[in-house]
């Protein structure tokens, strides 16, 4: 499995960015587009964490039947693992927002070329171009055997 996080990205109000002819890559409007995507994604993840907290507080019951208790514990455990992955994703989103502020967003950390608008829309926290990511995954598979 690739090392990148699973993309829980399903914003309902997302519209693809339409580049204007001659527009500078990662100019003002493009950076704002990605800041909006990332902030909306972060907000959705935080709202989901709040819903989980409320769910676990209100639905926690002390079942007499051991099977019911085990089912509830497994459900809560699964939710907590999911929230933990999302917490890590929120940190990655925050790091990505810092990259935008520092004018370092949208460029491959390995080779320095533009990652590309469509790839960034598909995975807004991407820090490698598709070629470097593919090579990294091949190397990872070779190491793990």
Protein backbone atom coordinates (compact mmCIF):
# COMPACT_ATOMS: atom_id res chain seq x y z
CA UNK A 1 0.00 0.00 0.00
CA UNK A 2 1.37 3.47 -0.85
CA UNK A 3 2.60 5.54 2.06
CA UNK A 4 0.28 8.45 1.27
CA UNK A 5 -2.84 8.71 3.39
CA UNK A 6 -6.15 7.46 2.10
CA UNK A 7 -7.95 10.41 0.66
CA UNK A 8 -11.10 11.16 2.63
CA UNK A 9 -11.54 14.11 0.32
CA UNK A 10 -15.12 14.49 -0.79
CA UNK A 11 -15.99 18.15 -0.62
CA UNK A 12 -19.43 18.82 -1.96
CA UNK A 13 -18.67 22.41 -3.00
CA UNK A 14 -15.45 21.63 -4.88
CA UNK A 15 -15.04 23.06 -8.37
CA UNK A 16 -11.94 22.36 -10.46
CA UNK A 17 -9.63 25.29 -11.03
CA UNK A 18 -9.79 26.82 -14.50
CA UNK A 19 -6.39 28.12 -15.46
CA UNK A 20 -6.31 31.32 -17.49
CA UNK A 21 -4.09 31.55 -20.53
CA UNK A 22 -0.64 32.75 -19.51
CA UNK A 23 -1.45 32.49 -15.80
CA UNK A 24 1.53 32.06 -13.49
CA UNK A 25 1.71 28.68 -11.77
CA UNK A 26 0.79 29.09 -8.10
CA UNK A 27 -0.07 32.72 -8.53
CA UNK A 28 -2.51 34.43 -6.16
CA UNK A 29 -5.83 33.00 -7.44
CA UNK A 30 -4.43 29.46 -7.73
CA UNK A 31 -2.98 29.57 -4.20
CA UNK A 32 -6.32 30.84 -2.87
CA UNK A 33 -8.07 27.95 -4.62
CA UNK A 34 -5.88 25.40 -2.82
CA UNK A 35 -6.07 27.24 0.51
CA UNK A 36 -9.86 27.03 0.27
CA UNK A 37 -9.74 23.31 -0.58
CA UNK A 38 -7.38 22.56 2.32
CA UNK A 39 -9.27 24.69 4.85
CA UNK A 40 -12.60 23.13 3.87
CA UNK A 41 -11.11 19.64 4.10
CA UNK A 42 -9.62 20.40 7.52
CA UNK A 43 -12.97 21.76 8.71
CA UNK A 44 -14.80 18.61 7.56
CA UNK A 45 -12.29 16.40 9.37
CA UNK A 46 -12.62 18.42 12.58
CA UNK A 47 -16.43 18.28 12.41
CA UNK A 48 -16.24 14.51 11.97
CA UNK A 49 -14.01 14.26 15.06
CA UNK A 50 -16.57 16.27 17.02
CA UNK A 51 -19.39 13.97 15.84
CA UNK A 52 -17.38 10.93 16.95
CA UNK A 53 -16.80 12.44 20.38
CA UNK A 54 -20.51 13.14 20.84
CA UNK A 55 -21.41 9.67 19.53
CA UNK A 56 -19.06 7.93 21.93
CA UNK A 57 -20.29 9.98 24.89
CA UNK A 58 -23.99 9.53 24.17
CA UNK A 59 -24.03 5.97 22.83
CA UNK A 60 -21.72 4.37 25.36
CA UNK A 61 -23.81 1.77 27.14
CA UNK A 62 -22.87 -0.91 29.59
CA UNK A 63 -24.34 -3.94 27.88
CA UNK A 64 -24.99 -7.02 30.00
CA UNK A 65 -24.34 -9.33 27.07
CA UNK A 66 -20.59 -9.80 26.46
CA UNK A 67 -21.13 -10.04 22.70
CA UNK A 68 -22.94 -6.70 22.59
CA UNK A 69 -20.21 -5.13 24.72
CA UNK A 70 -17.49 -6.54 22.47
CA UNK A 71 -19.28 -5.24 19.36
CA UNK A 72 -19.54 -1.76 20.84
CA UNK A 73 -15.87 -1.79 21.89
CA UNK A 74 -14.82 -2.88 18.41
CA UNK A 75 -16.95 -0.12 16.83
CA UNK A 76 -15.42 2.50 19.13
CA UNK A 77 -11.92 1.15 18.49
CA UNK A 78 -12.42 1.39 14.74
CA UNK A 79 -13.73 4.95 15.06
CA UNK A 80 -10.77 5.96 17.20
CA UNK A 81 -8.27 4.50 14.72
CA UNK A 82 -9.99 6.40 11.93
CA UNK A 83 -9.92 9.64 13.93
CA UNK A 84 -6.23 9.09 14.70
CA UNK A 85 -5.45 8.81 10.97
CA UNK A 86 -7.52 11.93 10.37
CA UNK A 87 -5.65 13.76 13.16
CA UNK A 88 -2.40 12.99 11.35
CA UNK A 89 -3.98 14.15 8.10
CA UNK A 90 -5.00 17.45 9.74
CA UNK A 91 -1.35 18.00 10.71
CA UNK A 92 -0.34 17.32 7.11
CA UNK A 93 -2.97 19.79 5.90
CA UNK A 94 -1.62 22.41 8.30
CA UNK A 95 1.94 21.77 7.02
CA UNK A 96 0.64 22.16 3.45
CA UNK A 97 -1.07 25.46 4.33
CA UNK A 98 2.30 26.67 5.68
CA UNK A 99 3.91 25.72 2.36
CA UNK A 100 1.34 27.87 0.56
CA UNK A 101 2.09 30.81 2.86
CA UNK A 102 5.83 30.38 2.21
CA UNK A 103 5.34 30.13 -1.58
CA UNK A 104 6.73 26.57 -1.57
CA UNK A 105 3.49 24.76 -2.45
CA UNK A 106 2.97 22.92 -5.70
CA UNK A 107 6.56 21.94 -6.38
CA UNK A 108 8.04 18.46 -6.05
CA UNK A 109 10.24 18.08 -2.96
CA UNK A 110 12.48 15.62 -4.82
CA UNK A 111 13.06 17.20 -8.23
CA UNK A 112 11.58 20.70 -7.93
CA UNK A 113 9.23 20.62 -10.93
CA UNK A 114 5.60 21.72 -10.81
CA UNK A 115 3.37 18.99 -9.40
CA UNK A 116 0.41 20.12 -11.48
CA UNK A 117 -3.01 21.50 -10.69
CA UNK A 118 -4.99 18.31 -11.39
CA UNK A 119 -2.74 16.14 -9.21
CA UNK A 120 -2.96 18.68 -6.40
CA UNK A 121 -6.74 18.78 -6.71
CA UNK A 122 -6.83 14.98 -6.49
CA UNK A 123 -4.40 14.97 -3.54
CA UNK A 124 -4.01 18.49 -2.12
CA UNK A 125 -1.27 17.43 0.29
CA UNK A 126 0.92 15.87 -2.43
CA UNK A 127 4.56 16.88 -2.09
CA UNK A 128 5.97 14.76 -4.94
CA UNK A 129 5.27 14.89 -8.66
CA UNK A 130 3.72 11.75 -10.11
CA UNK A 131 7.06 10.51 -11.50
CA UNK A 132 8.92 10.87 -8.19
CA UNK A 133 6.00 9.35 -6.27
CA UNK A 134 5.95 6.36 -8.62
CA UNK A 135 9.71 5.86 -8.17
CA UNK A 136 9.35 6.13 -4.38
CA UNK A 137 6.62 3.47 -4.39
CA UNK A 138 8.74 1.14 -6.55
CA UNK A 139 11.69 1.56 -4.18
CA UNK A 140 9.41 0.96 -1.17
CA UNK A 141 8.12 -2.28 -2.72
CA UNK A 142 11.68 -3.45 -3.43
CA UNK A 143 12.77 -2.77 0.14
CA UNK A 144 9.77 -4.55 1.65
CA UNK A 145 10.28 -7.46 -0.74
